[in-house]
Amino acid sequence: CSGSTVITIGASTNPSVGSVTSQSLICSLP
């Protein structure tokens, strides 16, 4: 005797983390 079944696995799309935006230079003085 035999039987069968089907399993569905969904795959979540990984996030696309955008480039971090900011000024690249800062000063300590004054």
PDB file of all heavy atoms in Angstrom:
ATOM      1  N   CYS A   1       0.837  -1.202   0.000  1.00  0.00           N
ATOM      2  CA  CYS A   1       0.000   0.000   0.000  1.00  0.00           C
ATOM      3  C   CYS A   1       0.873   1.254   0.000  1.00  0.00           C
ATOM      4  O   CYS A   1       1.966   1.276   0.557  1.00  0.00           O
ATOM      5  CB  CYS A   1      -0.925   0.008   1.207  1.00  0.00           C
ATOM      6  SG  CYS A   1      -2.030  -1.423   1.273  1.00  0.00           S
ATOM      7  N   SER A   2       0.361   2.306  -0.621  1.00  0.00           N
ATOM      8  CA  SER A   2       1.126   3.540  -0.718  1.00  0.00           C
ATOM      9  C   SER A   2       0.202   4.749  -0.655  1.00  0.00           C
ATOM     10  O   SER A   2      -1.018   4.631  -0.812  1.00  0.00           O
ATOM     11  CB  SER A   2       1.943   3.573  -2.015  1.00  0.00           C
ATOM     12  OG  SER A   2       1.071   3.544  -3.138  1.00  0.00           O
ATOM     13  N   GLY A   3       0.776   5.897  -0.416  1.00  0.00           N
ATOM     14  CA  GLY A   3       0.048   7.152  -0.384  1.00  0.00           C
ATOM     15  C   GLY A   3       1.035   8.280  -0.633  1.00  0.00           C
ATOM     16  O   GLY A   3       2.259   8.075  -0.629  1.00  0.00           O
ATOM     17  N   SER A   4       0.533   9.464  -0.880  1.00  0.00           N
ATOM     18  CA  SER A   4       1.416  10.597  -1.146  1.00  0.00           C
ATOM     19  C   SER A   4       0.770  11.884  -0.672  1.00  0.00           C
ATOM     20  O   SER A   4      -0.444  11.940  -0.429  1.00  0.00           O
ATOM     21  CB  SER A   4       1.751  10.694  -2.637  1.00  0.00           C
ATOM     22  OG  SER A   4       0.580  10.963  -3.392  1.00  0.00           O
ATOM     23  N   THR A   5       1.578  12.905  -0.542  1.00  0.00           N
ATOM     24  CA  THR A   5       1.080  14.226  -0.167  1.00  0.00           C
ATOM     25  C   THR A   5       2.039  15.277  -0.719  1.00  0.00           C
ATOM     26  O   THR A   5       3.173  14.971  -1.087  1.00  0.00           O
ATOM     27  CB  THR A   5       0.948  14.367   1.362  1.00  0.00           C
ATOM     28  OG1 THR A   5       0.216  15.551   1.669  1.00  0.00           O
ATOM     29  CG2 THR A   5       2.307  14.455   2.032  1.00  0.00           C
ATOM     30  N   VAL A   6       1.555  16.516  -0.775  1.00  0.00           N
ATOM     31  CA  VAL A   6       2.344  17.630  -1.302  1.00  0.00           C
ATOM     32  C   VAL A   6       2.476  18.687  -0.217  1.00  0.00           C
ATOM     33  O   VAL A   6       1.493  19.037   0.446  1.00  0.00           O
ATOM     34  CB  VAL A   6       1.696  18.241  -2.558  1.00  0.00           C
ATOM     35  CG1 VAL A   6       2.494  19.447  -3.041  1.00  0.00           C
ATOM     36  CG2 VAL A   6       1.576  17.197  -3.665  1.00  0.00           C
ATOM     37  N   ILE A   7       3.686  19.180  -0.018  1.00  0.00           N
ATOM     38  CA  ILE A   7       3.952  20.224   0.965  1.00  0.00           C
ATOM     39  C   ILE A   7       4.443  21.458   0.217  1.00  0.00           C
ATOM     40  O   ILE A   7       5.311  21.358  -0.657  1.00  0.00           O
ATOM     41  CB  ILE A   7       5.037  19.788   1.975  1.00  0.00           C
ATOM     42  CG1 ILE A   7       4.679  18.441   2.590  1.00  0.00           C
ATOM     43  CG2 ILE A   7       5.230  20.831   3.061  1.00  0.00           C
ATOM     44  CD1 ILE A   7       5.301  17.273   1.902  1.00  0.00           C
ATOM     45  N   THR A   8       3.876  22.602   0.545  1.00  0.00           N
ATOM     46  CA  THR A   8       4.295  23.855  -0.079  1.00  0.00           C
ATOM     47  C   THR A   8       5.066  24.699   0.934  1.00  0.00           C
ATOM     48  O   THR A   8       4.577  24.961   2.030  1.00  0.00           O
ATOM     49  CB  THR A   8       3.090  24.654  -0.597  1.00  0.00           C
ATOM     50  OG1 THR A   8       2.368  23.865  -1.547  1.00  0.00           O
ATOM     51  CG2 THR A   8       3.542  25.948  -1.263  1.00  0.00           C
ATOM     52  N   ILE A   9       6.268  25.082   0.556  1.00  0.00           N
ATOM     53  CA  ILE A   9       7.085  25.956   1.396  1.00  0.00           C
ATOM     54  C   ILE A   9       7.228  27.299   0.690  1.00  0.00           C
ATOM     55  O   ILE A   9       7.721  27.365  -0.440  1.00  0.00           O
ATOM     56  CB  ILE A   9       8.489  25.370   1.661  1.00  0.00           C
ATOM     57  CG1 ILE A   9       8.376  23.972   2.286  1.00  0.00           C
ATOM     58  CG2 ILE A   9       9.289  26.298   2.561  1.00  0.00           C
ATOM     59  CD1 ILE A   9       7.736  23.966   3.639  1.00  0.00           C
ATOM     60  N   GLY A  10       6.756  28.351   1.334  1.00  0.00           N
ATOM     61  CA  GLY A  10       6.918  29.682   0.771  1.00  0.00           C
ATOM     62  C   GLY A  10       8.275  30.243   1.152  1.00  0.00           C
ATOM     63  O   GLY A  10       8.830  29.924   2.202  1.00  0.00           O
ATOM     64  N   ALA A  11       8.828  31.043   0.279  1.00  0.00           N
ATOM     65  CA  ALA A  11      10.123  31.666   0.554  1.00  0.00           C
ATOM     66  C   ALA A  11       9.950  33.176   0.555  1.00  0.00           C
ATOM     67  O   ALA A  11       9.462  33.758  -0.409  1.00  0.00           O
ATOM     68  CB  ALA A  11      11.154  31.254  -0.484  1.00  0.00           C
ATOM     69  N   SER A  12      10.322  33.784   1.660  1.00  0.00           N
ATOM     70  CA  SER A  12      10.203  35.235   1.785  1.00  0.00           C
ATOM     71  C   SER A  12      11.402  35.920   1.131  1.00  0.00           C
ATOM     72  O   SER A  12      12.542  35.513   1.309  1.00  0.00           O
ATOM     73  CB  SER A  12      10.131  35.633   3.267  1.00  0.00           C
ATOM     74  OG  SER A  12      10.139  37.033   3.400  1.00  0.00           O
ATOM     75  N   THR A  13      11.112  36.927   0.318  1.00  0.00           N
ATOM     76  CA  THR A  13      12.188  37.676  -0.319  1.00  0.00           C
ATOM     77  C   THR A  13      12.965  38.455   0.739  1.00  0.00           C
ATOM     78  O   THR A  13      12.382  39.157   1.560  1.00  0.00           O
ATOM     79  CB  THR A  13      11.643  38.658  -1.365  1.00  0.00           C
ATOM     80  OG1 THR A  13      10.905  37.917  -2.335  1.00  0.00           O
ATOM     81  CG2 THR A  13      12.761  39.422  -2.047  1.00  0.00           C
ATOM     82  N   ASN A  14      14.259  38.320   0.711  1.00  0.00           N
ATOM     83  CA  ASN A  14      15.078  39.023   1.685  1.00  0.00           C
ATOM     84  C   ASN A  14      15.033  40.526   1.422  1.00  0.00           C
ATOM     85  O   ASN A  14      14.913  40.966   0.278  1.00  0.00           O
ATOM     86  CB  ASN A  14      16.524  38.530   1.622  1.00  0.00           C
ATOM     87  CG  ASN A  14      16.637  37.086   2.056  1.00  0.00           C
ATOM     88  OD1 ASN A  14      15.825  36.617   2.845  1.00  0.00           O
ATOM     89  ND2 ASN A  14      17.618  36.384   1.537  1.00  0.00           N
ATOM     90  N   PRO A  15      15.110  41.331   2.477  1.00  0.00           N
ATOM     91  CA  PRO A  15      14.999  42.785   2.287  1.00  0.00           C
ATOM     92  C   PRO A  15      16.207  43.349   1.557  1.00  0.00           C
ATOM     93  O   PRO A  15      17.297  42.790   1.600  1.00  0.00           O
ATOM     94  CB  PRO A  15      14.921  43.315   3.715  1.00  0.00           C
ATOM     95  CG  PRO A  15      15.676  42.303   4.516  1.00  0.00           C
ATOM     96  CD  PRO A  15      15.358  40.978   3.880  1.00  0.00           C
ATOM     97  N   SER A  16      15.991  44.446   0.875  1.00  0.00           N
ATOM     98  CA  SER A  16      17.089  45.170   0.244  1.00  0.00           C
ATOM     99  C   SER A  16      17.340  46.428   1.055  1.00  0.00           C
ATOM    100  O   SER A  16      16.592  47.402   0.964  1.00  0.00           O
ATOM    101  CB  SER A  16      16.735  45.526  -1.206  1.00  0.00           C
ATOM    102  OG  SER A  16      17.768  46.283  -1.790  1.00  0.00           O
ATOM    103  N   VAL A  17      18.360  46.370   1.881  1.00  0.00           N
ATOM    104  CA  VAL A  17      18.664  47.514   2.737  1.00  0.00           C
ATOM    105  C   VAL A  17      19.361  48.572   1.899  1.00  0.00           C
ATOM    106  O   VAL A  17      20.445  48.343   1.355  1.00  0.00           O
ATOM    107  CB  VAL A  17      19.545  47.102   3.924  1.00  0.00           C
ATOM    108  CG1 VAL A  17      19.847  48.308   4.804  1.00  0.00           C
ATOM    109  CG2 VAL A  17      18.859  46.006   4.721  1.00  0.00           C
ATOM    110  N   GLY A  18      18.729  49.716   1.757  1.00  0.00           N
ATOM    111  CA  GLY A  18      19.301  50.780   0.943  1.00  0.00           C
ATOM    112  C   GLY A  18      20.565  51.339   1.566  1.00  0.00           C
ATOM    113  O   GLY A  18      20.852  51.148   2.745  1.00  0.00           O
ATOM    114  N   SER A  19      21.330  52.022   0.754  1.00  0.00           N
ATOM    115  CA  SER A  19      22.559  52.626   1.254  1.00  0.00           C
ATOM    116  C   SER A  19      22.246  53.597   2.386  1.00  0.00           C
ATOM    117  O   SER A  19      21.265  54.341   2.337  1.00  0.00           O
ATOM    118  CB  SER A  19      23.277  53.374   0.125  1.00  0.00           C
ATOM    119  OG  SER A  19      23.623  52.482  -0.906  1.00  0.00           O
ATOM    120  N   VAL A  20      23.102  53.576   3.390  1.00  0.00           N
ATOM    121  CA  VAL A  20      22.945  54.497   4.505  1.00  0.00           C
ATOM    122  C   VAL A  20      23.303  55.898   4.027  1.00  0.00           C
ATOM    123  O   VAL A  20      24.348  56.104   3.410  1.00  0.00           O
ATOM    124  CB  VAL A  20      23.839  54.093   5.670  1.00  0.00           C
ATOM    125  CG1 VAL A  20      23.749  55.112   6.797  1.00  0.00           C
ATOM    126  CG2 VAL A  20      23.441  52.703   6.158  1.00  0.00           C
ATOM    127  N   THR A  21      22.396  56.826   4.253  1.00  0.00           N
ATOM    128  CA  THR A  21      22.635  58.193   3.795  1.00  0.00           C
ATOM    129  C   THR A  21      23.029  59.085   4.955  1.00  0.00           C
ATOM    130  O   THR A  21      22.459  59.022   6.032  1.00  0.00           O
ATOM    131  CB  THR A  21      21.377  58.768   3.118  1.00  0.00           C
ATOM    132  OG1 THR A  21      20.295  58.739   4.056  1.00  0.00           O
ATOM    133  CG2 THR A  21      20.998  57.954   1.898  1.00  0.00           C
ATOM    134  N   SER A  22      24.049  59.887   4.724  1.00  0.00           N
ATOM    135  CA  SER A  22      24.503  60.834   5.737  1.00  0.00           C
ATOM    136  C   SER A  22      25.644  61.641   5.144  1.00  0.00           C
ATOM    137  O   SER A  22      26.205  61.285   4.100  1.00  0.00           O
ATOM    138  CB  SER A  22      24.981  60.115   6.993  1.00  0.00           C
ATOM    139  OG  SER A  22      25.580  61.051   7.872  1.00  0.00           O
ATOM    140  N   GLN A  23      26.003  62.727   5.814  1.00  0.00           N
ATOM    141  CA  GLN A  23      27.233  63.402   5.473  1.00  0.00           C
ATOM    142  C   GLN A  23      28.382  62.480   5.853  1.00  0.00           C
ATOM    143  O   GLN A  23      28.301  61.702   6.791  1.00  0.00           O
ATOM    144  CB  GLN A  23      27.332  64.727   6.251  1.00  0.00           C
ATOM    145  CG  GLN A  23      27.387  64.539   7.762  1.00  0.00           C
ATOM    146  CD  GLN A  23      26.885  65.741   8.523  1.00  0.00           C
ATOM    147  OE1 GLN A  23      25.702  65.930   8.626  1.00  0.00           O
ATOM    148  NE2 GLN A  23      27.812  66.566   9.026  1.00  0.00           N
ATOM    149  N   SER A  24      29.467  62.540   5.085  1.00  0.00           N
ATOM    150  CA  SER A  24      30.573  61.624   5.345  1.00  0.00           C
ATOM    151  C   SER A  24      31.656  62.227   6.217  1.00  0.00           C
ATOM    152  O   SER A  24      32.508  61.510   6.724  1.00  0.00           O
ATOM    153  CB  SER A  24      31.189  61.169   4.016  1.00  0.00           C
ATOM    154  OG  SER A  24      31.668  62.297   3.303  1.00  0.00           O
ATOM    155  N   LEU A  25      31.650  63.559   6.373  1.00  0.00           N
ATOM    156  CA  LEU A  25      32.684  64.200   7.177  1.00  0.00           C
ATOM    157  C   LEU A  25      32.060  65.070   8.255  1.00  0.00           C
ATOM    158  O   LEU A  25      31.084  65.771   8.013  1.00  0.00           O
ATOM    159  CB  LEU A  25      33.588  65.072   6.294  1.00  0.00           C
ATOM    160  CG  LEU A  25      34.306  64.373   5.142  1.00  0.00           C
ATOM    161  CD1 LEU A  25      35.072  65.395   4.325  1.00  0.00           C
ATOM    162  CD2 LEU A  25      35.226  63.296   5.668  1.00  0.00           C
ATOM    163  N   ILE A  26      32.576  65.003   9.441  1.00  0.00           N
ATOM    164  CA  ILE A  26      32.167  65.900  10.519  1.00  0.00           C
ATOM    165  C   ILE A  26      33.415  66.447  11.197  1.00  0.00           C
ATOM    166  O   ILE A  26      34.520  65.908  11.032  1.00  0.00           O
ATOM    167  CB  ILE A  26      31.271  65.202  11.563  1.00  0.00           C
ATOM    168  CG1 ILE A  26      32.028  64.076  12.255  1.00  0.00           C
ATOM    169  CG2 ILE A  26      29.975  64.686  10.931  1.00  0.00           C
ATOM    170  CD1 ILE A  26      31.254  63.462  13.402  1.00  0.00           C
ATOM    171  N   CYS A  27      33.259  67.518  11.931  1.00  0.00           N
ATOM    172  CA  CYS A  27      34.394  68.140  12.618  1.00  0.00           C
ATOM    173  C   CYS A  27      34.187  68.093  14.126  1.00  0.00           C
ATOM    174  O   CYS A  27      33.053  68.053  14.615  1.00  0.00           O
ATOM    175  CB  CYS A  27      34.532  69.609  12.183  1.00  0.00           C
ATOM    176  SG  CYS A  27      34.818  69.816  10.408  1.00  0.00           S
ATOM    177  N   SER A  28      35.288  68.100  14.849  1.00  0.00           N
ATOM    178  CA  SER A  28      35.193  68.124  16.314  1.00  0.00           C
ATOM    179  C   SER A  28      35.396  69.513  16.866  1.00  0.00           C
ATOM    180  O   SER A  28      35.099  69.776  18.038  1.00  0.00           O
ATOM    181  CB  SER A  28      36.216  67.168  16.925  1.00  0.00           C
ATOM    182  OG  SER A  28      37.529  67.584  16.568  1.00  0.00           O
ATOM    183  N   LEU A  29      35.974  70.408  16.060  1.00  0.00           N
ATOM    184  CA  LEU A  29      36.230  71.775  16.497  1.00  0.00           C
ATOM    185  C   LEU A  29      35.611  72.749  15.504  1.00  0.00           C
ATOM    186  O   LEU A  29      35.559  72.467  14.298  1.00  0.00           O
ATOM    187  CB  LEU A  29      37.737  72.027  16.623  1.00  0.00           C
ATOM    188  CG  LEU A  29      38.486  71.200  17.685  1.00  0.00           C
ATOM    189  CD1 LEU A  29      39.988  71.453  17.557  1.00  0.00           C
ATOM    190  CD2 LEU A  29      37.983  71.546  19.086  1.00  0.00           C
ATOM    191  N   PRO A  30      35.109  73.834  15.958  1.00  0.00           N
ATOM    192  CA  PRO A  30      35.119  74.295  17.366  1.00  0.00           C
ATOM    193  C   PRO A  30      34.066  73.588  18.219  1.00  0.00           C
ATOM    194  O   PRO A  30      34.130  73.655  19.448  1.00  0.00           O
ATOM    195  CB  PRO A  30      34.837  75.782  17.243  1.00  0.00           C
ATOM    196  CG  PRO A  30      34.000  75.888  16.017  1.00  0.00           C
ATOM    197  CD  PRO A  30      34.534  74.858  15.065  1.00  0.00           C
TER     198      PRO A  30
END
